[in-house]
Amino acid sequence: MTSGGREKMKSRRWYRNALALLTLLLTLSLVAASSVPAEPPPAFVTKWGALGSGTGEFDQPFDVAVSAMGNVYVADTYGNRIQKFASD
């Protein structure tokens, strides 16, 4: 057999081995993913705010942040303000 023929055989063997390894890894990942129990969806706790310009009302809220103290800050785009809500 010529050296070119041996190189083709090595290349094919490498390709088959890589394909077999990829198939094995894909199969194992699918088995592992299917054995993880699904978490229940989060429970709805409460809501606050409504459309408007008064305290606790928003006109296009854009972003929400929570401080280390537990206060909630809501950026109100068209209300041109940031409202702060205490953690209690």
N, C-alpha and C. Protein backbone atom coordinates (compact mmCIF):
# COMPACT_ATOMS: atom_id res chain seq x y z
N MET A 1 0.85 -1.18 0.00
CA MET A 1 0.00 0.00 0.00
C MET A 1 0.89 1.23 0.00
N THR A 2 0.50 2.23 -0.71
CA THR A 2 1.29 3.45 -0.81
C THR A 2 1.06 4.31 0.42
N SER A 3 1.96 5.27 0.61
CA SER A 3 1.82 6.15 1.78
C SER A 3 0.56 7.00 1.69
N GLY A 4 0.15 7.35 0.45
CA GLY A 4 -1.08 8.11 0.28
C GLY A 4 -2.30 7.30 0.69
N GLY A 5 -2.27 6.00 0.39
CA GLY A 5 -3.38 5.11 0.78
C GLY A 5 -3.46 4.94 2.28
N ARG A 6 -2.27 4.85 2.92
CA ARG A 6 -2.26 4.73 4.39
C ARG A 6 -2.80 6.01 5.04
N GLU A 7 -2.44 7.14 4.48
CA GLU A 7 -2.93 8.43 5.02
C GLU A 7 -4.45 8.53 4.91
N LYS A 8 -5.01 8.06 3.78
CA LYS A 8 -6.46 8.08 3.62
C LYS A 8 -7.13 7.17 4.64
N MET A 9 -6.54 6.00 4.87
CA MET A 9 -7.11 5.07 5.86
C MET A 9 -7.06 5.68 7.26
N LYS A 10 -5.93 6.33 7.61
CA LYS A 10 -5.81 6.98 8.92
C LYS A 10 -6.84 8.09 9.06
N SER A 11 -7.01 8.84 7.98
CA SER A 11 -7.97 9.93 8.00
C SER A 11 -9.39 9.40 8.19
N ARG A 12 -9.73 8.34 7.48
CA ARG A 12 -11.07 7.74 7.62
C ARG A 12 -11.27 7.17 9.01
N ARG A 13 -10.22 6.52 9.53
CA ARG A 13 -10.31 5.93 10.87
C ARG A 13 -10.50 7.05 11.90
N TRP A 14 -9.75 8.13 11.77
CA TRP A 14 -9.89 9.26 12.70
C TRP A 14 -11.29 9.84 12.62
N TYR A 15 -11.81 9.98 11.40
CA TYR A 15 -13.15 10.52 11.20
C TYR A 15 -14.20 9.62 11.85
N ARG A 16 -14.10 8.30 11.68
CA ARG A 16 -15.05 7.36 12.28
C ARG A 16 -14.98 7.42 13.80
N ASN A 17 -13.75 7.47 14.34
CA ASN A 17 -13.59 7.55 15.80
C ASN A 17 -14.17 8.86 16.35
N ALA A 18 -13.91 9.96 15.66
CA ALA A 18 -14.44 11.24 16.11
C ALA A 18 -15.96 11.25 16.05
N LEU A 19 -16.52 10.68 14.99
CA LEU A 19 -17.98 10.60 14.85
C LEU A 19 -18.59 9.71 15.93
N ALA A 20 -17.93 8.60 16.24
CA ALA A 20 -18.43 7.71 17.29
C ALA A 20 -18.38 8.41 18.64
N LEU A 21 -17.29 9.13 18.92
CA LEU A 21 -17.18 9.86 20.18
C LEU A 21 -18.23 10.95 20.29
N LEU A 22 -18.44 11.69 19.22
CA LEU A 22 -19.45 12.73 19.20
C LEU A 22 -20.85 12.16 19.43
N THR A 23 -21.15 11.04 18.81
CA THR A 23 -22.44 10.38 18.99
C THR A 23 -22.62 9.94 20.43
N LEU A 24 -21.56 9.37 21.02
CA LEU A 24 -21.63 8.93 22.41
C LEU A 24 -21.87 10.11 23.35
N LEU A 25 -21.14 11.21 23.14
CA LEU A 25 -21.31 12.38 24.00
C LEU A 25 -22.70 12.98 23.86
N LEU A 26 -23.21 13.03 22.65
CA LEU A 26 -24.56 13.56 22.44
C LEU A 26 -25.60 12.69 23.13
N THR A 27 -25.46 11.39 23.01
CA THR A 27 -26.39 10.46 23.65
C THR A 27 -26.34 10.61 25.16
N LEU A 28 -25.14 10.69 25.73
CA LEU A 28 -25.02 10.85 27.18
C LEU A 28 -25.61 12.17 27.65
N SER A 29 -25.41 13.23 26.89
CA SER A 29 -25.97 14.52 27.31
C SER A 29 -27.50 14.50 27.26
N LEU A 30 -28.07 13.83 26.26
CA LEU A 30 -29.53 13.73 26.19
C LEU A 30 -30.08 12.90 27.33
N VAL A 31 -29.39 11.82 27.68
CA VAL A 31 -29.84 10.98 28.80
C VAL A 31 -29.75 11.76 30.10
N ALA A 32 -28.65 12.48 30.29
CA ALA A 32 -28.48 13.26 31.52
C ALA A 32 -29.53 14.37 31.61
N ALA A 33 -29.82 15.03 30.50
CA ALA A 33 -30.80 16.11 30.52
C ALA A 33 -32.20 15.60 30.78
N SER A 34 -32.53 14.42 30.30
CA SER A 34 -33.88 13.90 30.49
C SER A 34 -34.08 13.34 31.89
N SER A 35 -33.00 13.07 32.62
CA SER A 35 -33.15 12.51 33.96
C SER A 35 -33.23 13.57 35.04
N VAL A 36 -33.04 14.84 34.70
CA VAL A 36 -33.13 15.93 35.67
C VAL A 36 -34.60 16.29 35.85
N PRO A 37 -35.10 16.24 37.09
CA PRO A 37 -36.51 16.58 37.28
C PRO A 37 -36.76 18.06 37.02
N ALA A 38 -37.88 18.34 36.42
CA ALA A 38 -38.25 19.73 36.13
C ALA A 38 -38.66 20.44 37.41
N GLU A 39 -38.24 21.69 37.53
CA GLU A 39 -38.64 22.48 38.68
C GLU A 39 -40.03 23.04 38.44
N PRO A 40 -40.83 23.15 39.49
CA PRO A 40 -42.15 23.75 39.31
C PRO A 40 -41.99 25.24 39.01
N PRO A 41 -42.93 25.84 38.31
CA PRO A 41 -42.82 27.27 38.03
C PRO A 41 -42.92 28.07 39.33
N PRO A 42 -42.33 29.26 39.35
CA PRO A 42 -42.40 30.08 40.57
C PRO A 42 -43.85 30.48 40.87
N ALA A 43 -44.13 30.62 42.15
CA ALA A 43 -45.48 30.99 42.58
C ALA A 43 -45.66 32.50 42.52
N PHE A 44 -46.81 32.95 42.07
CA PHE A 44 -47.14 34.38 42.05
C PHE A 44 -47.36 34.83 43.48
N VAL A 45 -46.69 35.91 43.88
CA VAL A 45 -46.77 36.38 45.26
C VAL A 45 -47.69 37.59 45.38
N THR A 46 -47.39 38.63 44.65
CA THR A 46 -48.18 39.85 44.73
C THR A 46 -47.87 40.74 43.54
N LYS A 47 -48.62 41.80 43.39
CA LYS A 47 -48.32 42.78 42.36
C LYS A 47 -48.54 44.16 42.95
N TRP A 48 -47.91 45.14 42.35
CA TRP A 48 -48.12 46.52 42.75
C TRP A 48 -47.89 47.41 41.56
N GLY A 49 -48.50 48.57 41.62
CA GLY A 49 -48.38 49.52 40.53
C GLY A 49 -49.50 49.38 39.52
N ALA A 50 -49.78 50.47 38.87
CA ALA A 50 -50.80 50.53 37.82
C ALA A 50 -50.42 51.69 36.91
N LEU A 51 -51.10 51.80 35.80
CA LEU A 51 -50.85 52.91 34.89
C LEU A 51 -51.30 54.21 35.53
N GLY A 52 -50.42 55.19 35.53
CA GLY A 52 -50.78 56.50 36.09
C GLY A 52 -49.54 57.28 36.45
N SER A 53 -49.78 58.44 37.11
CA SER A 53 -48.66 59.30 37.48
C SER A 53 -48.59 59.53 38.98
N GLY A 54 -49.42 58.87 39.75
CA GLY A 54 -49.39 59.02 41.20
C GLY A 54 -48.36 58.09 41.85
N THR A 55 -48.30 58.17 43.18
CA THR A 55 -47.40 57.31 43.92
C THR A 55 -47.78 55.85 43.70
N GLY A 56 -46.80 55.05 43.37
CA GLY A 56 -47.06 53.63 43.11
C GLY A 56 -47.61 53.36 41.73
N GLU A 57 -47.74 54.38 40.91
CA GLU A 57 -48.23 54.21 39.54
C GLU A 57 -47.08 54.49 38.57
N PHE A 58 -47.16 53.89 37.39
CA PHE A 58 -46.08 54.00 36.41
C PHE A 58 -46.63 54.32 35.03
N ASP A 59 -45.82 55.01 34.26
CA ASP A 59 -46.12 55.25 32.85
C ASP A 59 -44.89 54.81 32.07
N GLN A 60 -44.85 53.57 31.68
CA GLN A 60 -43.75 52.92 30.97
C GLN A 60 -42.56 52.67 31.90
N PRO A 61 -42.72 51.78 32.90
CA PRO A 61 -41.57 51.41 33.74
C PRO A 61 -40.50 50.76 32.87
N PHE A 62 -39.24 51.11 33.11
CA PHE A 62 -38.15 50.66 32.26
C PHE A 62 -37.22 49.66 32.94
N ASP A 63 -36.89 49.90 34.21
CA ASP A 63 -35.91 49.06 34.89
C ASP A 63 -36.25 48.97 36.36
N VAL A 64 -35.80 47.89 36.98
CA VAL A 64 -36.03 47.66 38.40
C VAL A 64 -34.70 47.29 39.03
N ALA A 65 -34.45 47.79 40.23
CA ALA A 65 -33.24 47.44 40.97
C ALA A 65 -33.62 47.23 42.43
N VAL A 66 -32.86 46.38 43.11
CA VAL A 66 -33.08 46.11 44.52
C VAL A 66 -31.78 46.43 45.26
N SER A 67 -31.88 47.22 46.33
CA SER A 67 -30.70 47.60 47.10
C SER A 67 -30.37 46.51 48.11
N ALA A 68 -29.20 46.64 48.73
CA ALA A 68 -28.79 45.69 49.77
C ALA A 68 -29.73 45.73 50.97
N MET A 69 -30.41 46.87 51.15
CA MET A 69 -31.36 47.01 52.25
C MET A 69 -32.72 46.40 51.91
N GLY A 70 -32.90 45.98 50.66
CA GLY A 70 -34.17 45.39 50.25
C GLY A 70 -35.14 46.36 49.63
N ASN A 71 -34.73 47.63 49.46
CA ASN A 71 -35.60 48.60 48.81
C ASN A 71 -35.65 48.32 47.31
N VAL A 72 -36.81 48.57 46.71
CA VAL A 72 -36.99 48.36 45.28
C VAL A 72 -37.08 49.73 44.61
N TYR A 73 -36.31 49.90 43.54
CA TYR A 73 -36.31 51.15 42.78
C TYR A 73 -36.83 50.84 41.38
N VAL A 74 -37.78 51.65 40.93
CA VAL A 74 -38.36 51.47 39.60
C VAL A 74 -38.15 52.75 38.80
N ALA A 75 -37.50 52.62 37.64
CA ALA A 75 -37.31 53.75 36.74
C ALA A 75 -38.54 53.85 35.84
N ASP A 76 -39.20 55.01 35.91
CA ASP A 76 -40.43 55.25 35.15
C ASP A 76 -40.10 56.19 34.00
N THR A 77 -40.09 55.65 32.77
CA THR A 77 -39.64 56.40 31.60
C THR A 77 -40.44 57.67 31.37
N TYR A 78 -41.74 57.53 31.11
CA TYR A 78 -42.55 58.70 30.78
C TYR A 78 -42.97 59.48 32.02
N GLY A 79 -42.84 58.88 33.19
CA GLY A 79 -43.09 59.60 34.43
C GLY A 79 -41.89 60.45 34.82
N ASN A 80 -40.76 60.27 34.13
CA ASN A 80 -39.53 61.03 34.38
C ASN A 80 -39.11 60.99 35.85
N ARG A 81 -39.09 59.79 36.41
CA ARG A 81 -38.73 59.67 37.82
C ARG A 81 -38.29 58.26 38.15
N ILE A 82 -37.74 58.13 39.34
CA ILE A 82 -37.43 56.83 39.91
C ILE A 82 -38.17 56.75 41.22
N GLN A 83 -38.98 55.73 41.36
CA GLN A 83 -39.74 55.57 42.61
C GLN A 83 -39.04 54.54 43.49
N LYS A 84 -39.05 54.82 44.78
CA LYS A 84 -38.42 53.91 45.76
C LYS A 84 -39.53 53.30 46.60
N PHE A 85 -39.43 51.98 46.77
CA PHE A 85 -40.40 51.25 47.59
C PHE A 85 -39.64 50.55 48.69
N ALA A 86 -40.10 50.78 49.94
CA ALA A 86 -39.43 50.17 51.10
C ALA A 86 -39.66 48.67 51.11
N SER A 87 -38.77 47.96 51.75
CA SER A 87 -38.83 46.50 51.77
C SER A 87 -39.93 45.96 52.68
N ASP A 88 -40.53 46.78 53.50
CA ASP A 88 -41.57 46.28 54.41
C ASP A 88 -42.95 46.39 53.86
